[in-house]
């Protein structure tokens, strides 16, 4: 089972969805805006992936909130992502007990097509 988390108008999410559709891979899409992701789920993701990848420090939301100046620890980062899902790098894909963050074509080919 493949579950894709993100927002519909995100370019990286669009690329991931396009890749999955082009290769006939069925998936469930969960939009952060209509179904907010809770802290518990973010904690689960951070246990299976690198929290530094999961927190989108390059986005405008991160900059606008001034989070860099707060020097957050891991628990605080998870709390902030739970309060504001737009801080989560997109897409986040759950697949075979793995968590895949962002879009990388060669990485996707290795995971989904091998």
C-alpha atoms as a PDB file:
ATOM      1  CA  UNK A   1       0.000   0.000   0.000  1.00  0.00           C
ATOM      2  CA  UNK A   2       1.255   3.434  -0.945  1.00  0.00           C
ATOM      3  CA  UNK A   3       0.047   6.526   0.890  1.00  0.00           C
ATOM      4  CA  UNK A   4       1.064   9.966  -0.348  1.00  0.00           C
ATOM      5  CA  UNK A   5       0.835  12.940   2.017  1.00  0.00           C
ATOM      6  CA  UNK A   6       1.086  16.524   0.805  1.00  0.00           C
ATOM      7  CA  UNK A   7      -0.887  19.361  -0.708  1.00  0.00           C
ATOM      8  CA  UNK A   8      -2.411  19.263  -4.169  1.00  0.00           C
ATOM      9  CA  UNK A   9      -0.790  22.416  -5.534  1.00  0.00           C
ATOM     10  CA  UNK A  10       2.790  21.487  -4.502  1.00  0.00           C
ATOM     11  CA  UNK A  11       5.044  20.864  -7.519  1.00  0.00           C
ATOM     12  CA  UNK A  12       6.927  18.009  -5.827  1.00  0.00           C
ATOM     13  CA  UNK A  13       3.657  16.313  -4.898  1.00  0.00           C
ATOM     14  CA  UNK A  14       2.424  16.709  -8.469  1.00  0.00           C
ATOM     15  CA  UNK A  15       5.624  15.051  -9.760  1.00  0.00           C
ATOM     16  CA  UNK A  16       5.284  12.164  -7.323  1.00  0.00           C
ATOM     17  CA  UNK A  17       1.614  11.622  -8.171  1.00  0.00           C
ATOM     18  CA  UNK A  18       2.401  11.786 -11.888  1.00  0.00           C
ATOM     19  CA  UNK A  19       5.199   9.202 -11.460  1.00  0.00           C
ATOM     20  CA  UNK A  20       2.926   6.811  -9.560  1.00  0.00           C
ATOM     21  CA  UNK A  21       0.098   7.220 -12.079  1.00  0.00           C
ATOM     22  CA  UNK A  22       2.413   6.766 -15.087  1.00  0.00           C
ATOM     23  CA  UNK A  23       3.658   3.472 -13.640  1.00  0.00           C
ATOM     24  CA  UNK A  24       0.200   2.185 -12.733  1.00  0.00           C
ATOM     25  CA  UNK A  25       0.866   2.226  -9.003  1.00  0.00           C
ATOM     26  CA  UNK A  26      -2.266   2.673  -6.923  1.00  0.00           C
ATOM     27  CA  UNK A  27      -2.071   4.960  -3.927  1.00  0.00           C
ATOM     28  CA  UNK A  28      -4.100   6.922  -1.429  1.00  0.00           C
ATOM     29  CA  UNK A  29      -3.591  10.683  -1.314  1.00  0.00           C
ATOM     30  CA  UNK A  30      -3.986  12.590   1.945  1.00  0.00           C
ATOM     31  CA  UNK A  31      -4.059  16.369   1.670  1.00  0.00           C
ATOM     32  CA  UNK A  32      -2.580  18.218   4.667  1.00  0.00           C
ATOM     33  CA  UNK A  33      -5.062  21.037   4.195  1.00  0.00           C
ATOM     34  CA  UNK A  34      -8.202  18.901   4.477  1.00  0.00           C
ATOM     35  CA  UNK A  35      -6.785  16.207   6.788  1.00  0.00           C
ATOM     36  CA  UNK A  36      -4.186  17.701   9.132  1.00  0.00           C
ATOM     37  CA  UNK A  37      -1.362  15.391  10.163  1.00  0.00           C
ATOM     38  CA  UNK A  38      -1.044  14.947  13.903  1.00  0.00           C
ATOM     39  CA  UNK A  39       2.139  14.999  15.948  1.00  0.00           C
ATOM     40  CA  UNK A  40       1.953  11.236  16.571  1.00  0.00           C
ATOM     41  CA  UNK A  41       2.178  10.496  12.828  1.00  0.00           C
ATOM     42  CA  UNK A  42       5.059  12.961  12.410  1.00  0.00           C
ATOM     43  CA  UNK A  43       6.886  11.247  15.283  1.00  0.00           C
ATOM     44  CA  UNK A  44       6.422   7.879  13.528  1.00  0.00           C
ATOM     45  CA  UNK A  45       7.853   9.338  10.326  1.00  0.00           C
ATOM     46  CA  UNK A  46      10.820  10.826  12.182  1.00  0.00           C
ATOM     47  CA  UNK A  47      11.616   7.388  13.617  1.00  0.00           C
ATOM     48  CA  UNK A  48      11.842   5.931  10.099  1.00  0.00           C
ATOM     49  CA  UNK A  49      13.518   8.874   8.388  1.00  0.00           C
ATOM     50  CA  UNK A  50      15.797  11.800   9.086  1.00  0.00           C
ATOM     51  CA  UNK A  51      14.030  14.631  10.894  1.00  0.00           C
ATOM     52  CA  UNK A  52      16.330  17.073   9.102  1.00  0.00           C
ATOM     53  CA  UNK A  53      14.753  15.907   5.818  1.00  0.00           C
ATOM     54  CA  UNK A  54      11.217  15.979   7.164  1.00  0.00           C
ATOM     55  CA  UNK A  55      11.313  19.615   8.322  1.00  0.00           C
ATOM     56  CA  UNK A  56      11.171  21.930   5.329  1.00  0.00           C
ATOM     57  CA  UNK A  57      13.672  24.606   6.325  1.00  0.00           C
ATOM     58  CA  UNK A  58      13.745  26.069   2.806  1.00  0.00           C
ATOM     59  CA  UNK A  59      10.063  26.975   2.672  1.00  0.00           C
ATOM     60  CA  UNK A  60       8.488  30.350   3.279  1.00  0.00           C
ATOM     61  CA  UNK A  61       6.489  29.042   6.242  1.00  0.00           C
ATOM     62  CA  UNK A  62       9.707  28.190   8.115  1.00  0.00           C
ATOM     63  CA  UNK A  63      11.207  31.593   7.359  1.00  0.00           C
ATOM     64  CA  UNK A  64       8.022  33.534   8.149  1.00  0.00           C
ATOM     65  CA  UNK A  65       7.693  31.842  11.538  1.00  0.00           C
ATOM     66  CA  UNK A  66      11.315  32.683  12.378  1.00  0.00           C
ATOM     67  CA  UNK A  67      12.018  29.110  13.502  1.00  0.00           C
ATOM     68  CA  UNK A  68      15.720  29.196  12.670  1.00  0.00           C
ATOM     69  CA  UNK A  69      16.302  31.754  15.425  1.00  0.00           C
ATOM     70  CA  UNK A  70      14.554  29.526  17.984  1.00  0.00           C
ATOM     71  CA  UNK A  71      17.213  26.766  17.742  1.00  0.00           C
ATOM     72  CA  UNK A  72      14.591  24.018  18.209  1.00  0.00           C
ATOM     73  CA  UNK A  73      15.345  20.551  19.519  1.00  0.00           C
ATOM     74  CA  UNK A  74      13.850  17.480  17.797  1.00  0.00           C
ATOM     75  CA  UNK A  75      10.729  17.342  19.974  1.00  0.00           C
ATOM     76  CA  UNK A  76      10.024  21.022  19.352  1.00  0.00           C
ATOM     77  CA  UNK A  77      10.455  20.556  15.592  1.00  0.00           C
ATOM     78  CA  UNK A  78       7.889  17.745  15.645  1.00  0.00           C
ATOM     79  CA  UNK A  79       5.519  19.913  17.698  1.00  0.00           C
ATOM     80  CA  UNK A  80       5.823  22.787  15.210  1.00  0.00           C
ATOM     81  CA  UNK A  81       5.182  20.455  12.256  1.00  0.00           C
ATOM     82  CA  UNK A  82       2.102  19.140  14.054  1.00  0.00           C
ATOM     83  CA  UNK A  83       0.816  22.680  14.559  1.00  0.00           C
ATOM     84  CA  UNK A  84       1.644  23.761  11.016  1.00  0.00           C
ATOM     85  CA  UNK A  85       1.752  20.934   8.467  1.00  0.00           C
ATOM     86  CA  UNK A  86       3.167  23.251   5.812  1.00  0.00           C
ATOM     87  CA  UNK A  87       6.488  22.873   7.637  1.00  0.00           C
ATOM     88  CA  UNK A  88       6.619  19.247   6.465  1.00  0.00           C
ATOM     89  CA  UNK A  89       8.669  18.650   3.325  1.00  0.00           C
ATOM     90  CA  UNK A  90       6.477  17.221   0.607  1.00  0.00           C
ATOM     91  CA  UNK A  91       5.547  14.683  -0.425  1.00  0.00           C
ATOM     92  CA  UNK A  92       5.826  12.169   2.369  1.00  0.00           C
ATOM     93  CA  UNK A  93       5.166   8.645   1.103  1.00  0.00           C
ATOM     94  CA  UNK A  94       4.549   5.596   3.242  1.00  0.00           C
ATOM     95  CA  UNK A  95       5.441   2.402   1.385  1.00  0.00           C
ATOM     96  CA  UNK A  96       6.262  -1.046   2.777  1.00  0.00           C
ATOM     97  CA  UNK A  97       7.021   0.243   6.276  1.00  0.00           C
ATOM     98  CA  UNK A  98       9.317   2.912   4.782  1.00  0.00           C
ATOM     99  CA  UNK A  99       8.961   6.670   4.720  1.00  0.00           C
ATOM    100  CA  UNK A 100      10.113   8.484   1.574  1.00  0.00           C
ATOM    101  CA  UNK A 101      10.437  12.255   1.762  1.00  0.00           C
ATOM    102  CA  UNK A 102      10.472  14.603  -1.222  1.00  0.00           C
ATOM    103  CA  UNK A 103      10.647  13.757  -4.907  1.00  0.00           C
ATOM    104  CA  UNK A 104      13.722  12.255  -6.549  1.00  0.00           C
ATOM    105  CA  UNK A 105      13.132  10.428  -9.836  1.00  0.00           C
ATOM    106  CA  UNK A 106      16.050   8.002  -9.624  1.00  0.00           C
ATOM    107  CA  UNK A 107      15.241   7.249  -5.985  1.00  0.00           C
ATOM    108  CA  UNK A 108      11.601   6.564  -6.905  1.00  0.00           C
ATOM    109  CA  UNK A 109      12.639   4.306  -9.786  1.00  0.00           C
ATOM    110  CA  UNK A 110      14.825   2.283  -7.435  1.00  0.00           C
ATOM    111  CA  UNK A 111      12.100   1.956  -4.836  1.00  0.00           C
ATOM    112  CA  UNK A 112       8.950   1.484  -6.883  1.00  0.00           C
ATOM    113  CA  UNK A 113      10.182  -0.147 -10.081  1.00  0.00           C
ATOM    114  CA  UNK A 114      12.700  -2.721  -8.860  1.00  0.00           C
END
